């Protein structure tokens, strides 16, 4: 793999992911992570479409980001 990977998550008070840390040390928003995954900058992620038509990120090797460390 040549691209960055997502390594940690930051959640809001409702438990929703609002940003990520990358293997390069960057902190990026969920929307930026979605764009970069679509463009191949971030690897190890697949994009799913929700029932409401919105796009959602999921790690390729598991079903959710629950096992990712949390940023504070």
N, C-alpha and C. Protein backbone atom coordinates (compact mmCIF):
# COMPACT_ATOMS: atom_id res chain seq x y z
N UNK A 1 0.83 -1.20 0.00
CA UNK A 1 0.00 0.00 0.00
C UNK A 1 0.87 1.25 0.00
N UNK A 2 0.55 2.17 -0.86
CA UNK A 2 1.32 3.39 -0.97
C UNK A 2 0.62 4.59 -0.35
N UNK A 3 -0.70 4.52 -0.21
CA UNK A 3 -1.46 5.63 0.34
C UNK A 3 -1.49 5.61 1.85
N UNK A 4 -2.03 6.66 2.40
CA UNK A 4 -2.21 6.73 3.84
C UNK A 4 -3.35 5.83 4.27
N UNK A 5 -3.39 5.53 5.54
CA UNK A 5 -4.48 4.77 6.12
C UNK A 5 -5.03 5.53 7.31
N UNK A 6 -6.27 5.27 7.66
CA UNK A 6 -6.86 5.87 8.86
C UNK A 6 -6.42 5.06 10.06
N UNK A 7 -5.98 5.77 11.11
CA UNK A 7 -5.42 5.07 12.27
C UNK A 7 -6.16 5.33 13.57
N UNK A 8 -6.92 6.42 13.65
CA UNK A 8 -7.65 6.74 14.87
C UNK A 8 -8.86 7.60 14.51
N UNK A 9 -9.83 7.66 15.42
CA UNK A 9 -11.06 8.42 15.18
C UNK A 9 -11.29 9.43 16.30
N UNK A 10 -12.01 10.49 15.97
CA UNK A 10 -12.46 11.46 16.96
C UNK A 10 -13.98 11.50 16.86
N UNK A 11 -14.65 11.26 17.97
CA UNK A 11 -16.12 11.22 18.00
C UNK A 11 -16.67 12.42 18.76
N UNK A 12 -17.85 12.86 18.34
CA UNK A 12 -18.52 13.93 19.07
C UNK A 12 -19.25 13.35 20.29
N UNK A 13 -19.99 14.18 21.02
CA UNK A 13 -20.68 13.73 22.23
C UNK A 13 -21.76 12.70 21.96
N UNK A 14 -22.24 12.61 20.72
CA UNK A 14 -23.25 11.62 20.35
C UNK A 14 -22.63 10.31 19.87
N UNK A 15 -21.31 10.23 19.87
CA UNK A 15 -20.62 9.02 19.44
C UNK A 15 -20.39 8.94 17.94
N UNK A 16 -20.74 10.00 17.20
CA UNK A 16 -20.55 10.01 15.75
C UNK A 16 -19.12 10.41 15.43
N UNK A 17 -18.53 9.76 14.44
CA UNK A 17 -17.16 10.09 14.02
C UNK A 17 -17.20 11.42 13.28
N UNK A 18 -16.36 12.35 13.72
CA UNK A 18 -16.30 13.65 13.06
C UNK A 18 -14.96 13.90 12.37
N UNK A 19 -13.90 13.18 12.80
CA UNK A 19 -12.62 13.33 12.13
C UNK A 19 -11.76 12.10 12.38
N UNK A 20 -10.67 12.03 11.62
CA UNK A 20 -9.75 10.89 11.68
C UNK A 20 -8.32 11.37 11.78
N UNK A 21 -7.45 10.51 12.30
CA UNK A 21 -6.02 10.71 12.19
C UNK A 21 -5.54 9.72 11.13
N UNK A 22 -4.62 10.17 10.28
CA UNK A 22 -4.08 9.31 9.23
C UNK A 22 -2.71 8.77 9.66
N UNK A 23 -2.25 7.77 8.92
CA UNK A 23 -0.93 7.20 9.19
C UNK A 23 0.17 8.23 8.97
N UNK A 24 -0.12 9.31 8.24
CA UNK A 24 0.83 10.39 8.03
C UNK A 24 0.78 11.44 9.14
N UNK A 25 -0.11 11.24 10.13
CA UNK A 25 -0.21 12.15 11.26
C UNK A 25 -1.18 13.30 11.06
N UNK A 26 -1.85 13.34 9.91
CA UNK A 26 -2.81 14.42 9.66
C UNK A 26 -4.12 14.14 10.39
N UNK A 27 -4.79 15.21 10.80
CA UNK A 27 -6.15 15.13 11.33
C UNK A 27 -7.05 15.69 10.24
N UNK A 28 -7.98 14.87 9.75
CA UNK A 28 -8.85 15.30 8.66
C UNK A 28 -10.31 15.03 9.03
N UNK A 29 -11.19 15.85 8.49
CA UNK A 29 -12.62 15.70 8.75
C UNK A 29 -13.14 14.43 8.08
N UNK A 30 -14.33 14.02 8.49
CA UNK A 30 -14.98 12.87 7.88
C UNK A 30 -15.18 13.10 6.39
N UNK A 31 -15.64 14.30 6.04
CA UNK A 31 -15.88 14.63 4.62
C UNK A 31 -14.59 14.58 3.82
N UNK A 32 -13.50 15.11 4.38
CA UNK A 32 -12.19 15.08 3.69
C UNK A 32 -11.71 13.64 3.54
N UNK A 33 -11.92 12.81 4.56
CA UNK A 33 -11.54 11.40 4.48
C UNK A 33 -12.33 10.70 3.39
N UNK A 34 -13.60 11.02 3.27
CA UNK A 34 -14.44 10.44 2.23
C UNK A 34 -13.92 10.83 0.85
N UNK A 35 -13.61 12.11 0.66
CA UNK A 35 -13.08 12.58 -0.62
C UNK A 35 -11.75 11.91 -0.95
N UNK A 36 -10.87 11.81 0.04
CA UNK A 36 -9.55 11.23 -0.20
C UNK A 36 -9.64 9.73 -0.46
N UNK A 37 -10.59 9.05 0.18
CA UNK A 37 -10.79 7.63 -0.09
C UNK A 37 -11.30 7.43 -1.52
N UNK A 38 -12.21 8.30 -1.95
CA UNK A 38 -12.72 8.23 -3.33
C UNK A 38 -11.61 8.45 -4.35
N UNK A 39 -10.64 9.30 -4.02
CA UNK A 39 -9.54 9.64 -4.93
C UNK A 39 -8.32 8.73 -4.78
N UNK A 40 -8.39 7.74 -3.88
CA UNK A 40 -7.30 6.80 -3.71
C UNK A 40 -6.15 7.29 -2.85
N UNK A 41 -6.30 8.44 -2.21
CA UNK A 41 -5.24 8.96 -1.33
C UNK A 41 -5.19 8.14 -0.04
N UNK A 42 -6.36 7.76 0.46
CA UNK A 42 -6.45 6.93 1.66
C UNK A 42 -6.85 5.53 1.21
N UNK A 43 -6.12 4.55 1.71
CA UNK A 43 -6.37 3.16 1.35
C UNK A 43 -6.91 2.39 2.55
N UNK A 44 -7.42 1.19 2.29
CA UNK A 44 -7.93 0.34 3.36
C UNK A 44 -9.33 0.71 3.80
N UNK A 45 -10.02 1.47 2.97
CA UNK A 45 -11.36 1.95 3.28
C UNK A 45 -12.26 1.65 2.09
N UNK A 46 -13.49 1.27 2.38
CA UNK A 46 -14.46 1.19 1.29
C UNK A 46 -15.62 2.10 1.61
N UNK A 47 -16.29 2.54 0.57
CA UNK A 47 -17.37 3.52 0.70
C UNK A 47 -18.69 2.83 0.39
N UNK A 48 -19.63 2.97 1.31
CA UNK A 48 -20.96 2.39 1.14
C UNK A 48 -21.99 3.51 1.07
N UNK A 49 -23.07 3.24 0.39
CA UNK A 49 -24.18 4.19 0.32
C UNK A 49 -25.25 3.77 1.33
N UNK A 50 -25.64 4.70 2.20
CA UNK A 50 -26.70 4.45 3.18
C UNK A 50 -28.06 4.43 2.51
N UNK A 51 -29.06 4.01 3.24
CA UNK A 51 -30.43 3.97 2.72
C UNK A 51 -30.92 5.34 2.29
N UNK A 52 -30.42 6.38 2.97
CA UNK A 52 -30.85 7.75 2.63
C UNK A 52 -30.04 8.36 1.49
N UNK A 53 -29.12 7.59 0.92
CA UNK A 53 -28.32 8.07 -0.21
C UNK A 53 -27.01 8.70 0.16
N UNK A 54 -26.74 8.90 1.45
CA UNK A 54 -25.47 9.49 1.86
C UNK A 54 -24.38 8.42 1.83
N UNK A 55 -23.14 8.88 1.72
CA UNK A 55 -22.01 7.97 1.63
C UNK A 55 -21.40 7.77 3.02
N UNK A 56 -20.92 6.55 3.28
CA UNK A 56 -20.37 6.20 4.57
C UNK A 56 -19.05 5.46 4.37
N UNK A 57 -18.07 5.77 5.21
CA UNK A 57 -16.78 5.09 5.19
C UNK A 57 -16.83 3.87 6.10
N UNK A 58 -16.18 2.80 5.68
CA UNK A 58 -16.01 1.61 6.50
C UNK A 58 -14.63 1.05 6.26
N UNK A 59 -13.98 0.55 7.33
CA UNK A 59 -12.68 -0.06 7.13
C UNK A 59 -12.82 -1.36 6.34
N UNK A 60 -11.87 -1.63 5.46
CA UNK A 60 -11.94 -2.82 4.62
C UNK A 60 -11.80 -4.11 5.41
N UNK A 61 -11.05 -4.07 6.51
CA UNK A 61 -10.78 -5.31 7.24
C UNK A 61 -11.71 -5.56 8.43
N UNK A 62 -12.70 -4.69 8.66
CA UNK A 62 -13.69 -4.93 9.72
C UNK A 62 -14.97 -4.19 9.35
N UNK A 63 -16.00 -4.39 10.15
CA UNK A 63 -17.30 -3.82 9.80
C UNK A 63 -17.51 -2.40 10.32
N UNK A 64 -16.64 -1.95 11.24
CA UNK A 64 -16.83 -0.59 11.79
C UNK A 64 -15.51 -0.05 12.31
N UNK A 65 -15.55 1.19 12.74
CA UNK A 65 -14.37 1.84 13.31
C UNK A 65 -14.31 1.68 14.84
N UNK A 66 -15.12 0.80 15.40
CA UNK A 66 -15.17 0.63 16.86
C UNK A 66 -13.84 0.18 17.45
N UNK A 67 -13.03 -0.55 16.68
CA UNK A 67 -11.75 -1.03 17.19
C UNK A 67 -10.62 -0.02 17.03
N UNK A 68 -10.89 1.10 16.37
CA UNK A 68 -9.87 2.12 16.18
C UNK A 68 -9.70 2.92 17.47
N UNK A 69 -8.47 3.33 17.79
CA UNK A 69 -8.29 4.16 18.98
C UNK A 69 -8.98 5.51 18.82
N UNK A 70 -9.40 6.06 19.95
CA UNK A 70 -10.05 7.37 19.95
C UNK A 70 -9.05 8.48 20.22
N UNK A 71 -9.19 9.58 19.50
CA UNK A 71 -8.39 10.78 19.75
C UNK A 71 -9.07 11.60 20.82
N UNK A 72 -8.31 12.34 21.56
CA UNK A 72 -8.90 13.19 22.60
C UNK A 72 -8.63 14.63 22.33
